[in-house]
Amino acid sequence: MPHHRYKLPDLTYAYNALIPTISEEIMRLHHDKHHLAYVNGANAALDKLQKARETGFAGVDVKATPTSANSTRSKNSSAPPPNKLKEAAGQY
C-alpha cells in the first residue's frame, strides 16, 4: 500500500518580503534547501518503513535502533525527541 508523500509547500509570501531583516537569498536557501531536506528525509524514512513492512521487517534489527529511530523521526518531522517534550514545556 503506497504511503503519503510529503511535499514542500510554497511560501505564502514573497522571498523578499522580510527584507531588511532576512535577505531574499537567505530565504531562498532556508526554504528551498533547508526545509526541502526535512521533507526529503521524512519521505526517505517512510520509504524505508514501507519496504520493511513489505518484507516482514526482514533484516531490520529493531532492538538496535530505538535511539536512532527516535532521532530520525524527530529530525525529519520537526518534532522534539520524546524525552525533550517535558523539558520544552518547562516540566522536569
Protein backbone atom coordinates (compact mmCIF):
# COMPACT_ATOMS: atom_id res chain seq x y z
CA MET A 1 0.00 0.00 0.00
CA PRO A 2 1.55 3.34 -1.02
CA HIS A 3 2.15 5.80 1.76
CA HIS A 4 1.61 9.53 1.98
CA ARG A 5 4.38 11.62 0.41
CA TYR A 6 5.30 14.94 1.93
CA LYS A 7 5.69 17.95 -0.34
CA LEU A 8 7.43 21.22 0.39
CA PRO A 9 4.68 23.85 0.42
CA ASP A 10 5.17 27.12 -1.36
CA LEU A 11 5.82 30.15 0.80
CA THR A 12 2.70 32.19 1.41
CA TYR A 13 4.71 35.38 0.89
CA ALA A 14 7.46 36.58 -1.42
CA TYR A 15 11.07 35.59 -0.72
CA ASN A 16 11.94 39.27 -0.39
CA ALA A 17 9.06 40.10 1.99
CA LEU A 18 11.26 40.08 5.09
CA ILE A 19 13.99 42.41 3.81
CA PRO A 20 15.90 44.04 5.54
CA THR A 21 15.66 41.57 8.45
CA ILE A 22 16.16 38.48 6.28
CA SER A 23 17.53 38.72 2.76
CA GLU A 24 15.88 37.12 -0.24
CA GLU A 25 18.97 34.95 -0.74
CA ILE A 26 18.75 33.57 2.82
CA MET A 27 15.01 32.96 2.50
CA ARG A 28 15.56 31.00 -0.72
CA LEU A 29 18.34 28.98 0.87
CA HIS A 30 16.34 28.32 4.05
CA HIS A 31 13.11 27.37 2.31
CA ASP A 32 14.34 25.73 -0.90
CA LYS A 33 17.29 23.81 0.56
CA HIS A 34 16.94 23.52 4.34
CA HIS A 35 13.21 22.83 4.55
CA LEU A 36 13.35 20.62 1.47
CA ALA A 37 15.96 18.47 3.25
CA TYR A 38 13.45 17.81 6.05
CA VAL A 39 10.77 16.86 3.51
CA ASN A 40 13.16 14.55 1.65
CA GLY A 41 14.31 12.98 4.92
CA ALA A 42 10.76 12.31 6.05
CA ASN A 43 9.90 10.74 2.68
CA ALA A 44 13.05 8.58 2.81
CA ALA A 45 12.09 7.37 6.30
CA LEU A 46 8.60 6.50 5.05
CA ASP A 47 10.12 4.61 2.09
CA LYS A 48 12.28 2.56 4.48
CA LEU A 49 9.31 1.83 6.71
CA GLN A 50 7.19 0.73 3.76
CA LYS A 51 9.96 -1.57 2.49
CA ALA A 52 10.39 -3.05 5.97
CA ARG A 53 6.65 -3.71 6.23
CA GLU A 54 6.58 -5.34 2.78
CA THR A 55 9.43 -7.70 3.71
CA GLY A 56 8.06 -8.51 7.16
CA PHE A 57 10.88 -6.45 8.65
CA ALA A 58 13.40 -8.99 7.33
CA GLY A 59 16.90 -7.80 8.10
CA VAL A 60 15.67 -4.99 10.34
CA ASP A 61 17.13 -5.13 13.85
CA VAL A 62 14.55 -3.15 15.78
CA LYS A 63 16.39 -3.64 19.08
CA ALA A 64 19.45 -1.85 17.72
CA THR A 65 17.64 1.27 16.55
CA PRO A 66 15.39 2.83 19.21
CA THR A 67 17.61 5.87 19.72
CA SER A 68 18.36 6.39 16.04
CA ALA A 69 14.71 5.81 15.16
CA ASN A 70 13.60 8.50 17.62
CA SER A 71 16.34 10.81 16.40
CA THR A 72 15.39 10.29 12.74
CA ARG A 73 11.71 10.70 13.48
CA SER A 74 12.14 13.91 15.36
CA LYS A 75 14.66 15.36 12.92
CA ASN A 76 12.58 14.59 9.86
CA SER A 77 9.24 15.52 11.35
CA SER A 78 10.50 18.69 13.05
CA ALA A 79 9.33 17.39 16.41
CA PRO A 80 11.49 17.35 19.52
CA PRO A 81 12.74 13.96 20.72
CA PRO A 82 10.22 12.38 23.12
CA ASN A 83 12.47 12.89 26.16
CA LYS A 84 12.66 16.63 25.38
CA LEU A 85 8.90 17.25 25.34
CA LYS A 86 8.54 17.77 29.09
CA GLU A 87 11.72 19.82 29.19
CA ALA A 88 10.47 22.02 26.34
CA ALA A 89 7.21 22.52 28.22
CA GLY A 90 9.10 23.53 31.37
CA GLN A 91 8.24 20.32 33.21
CA TYR A 92 11.19 18.39 34.60
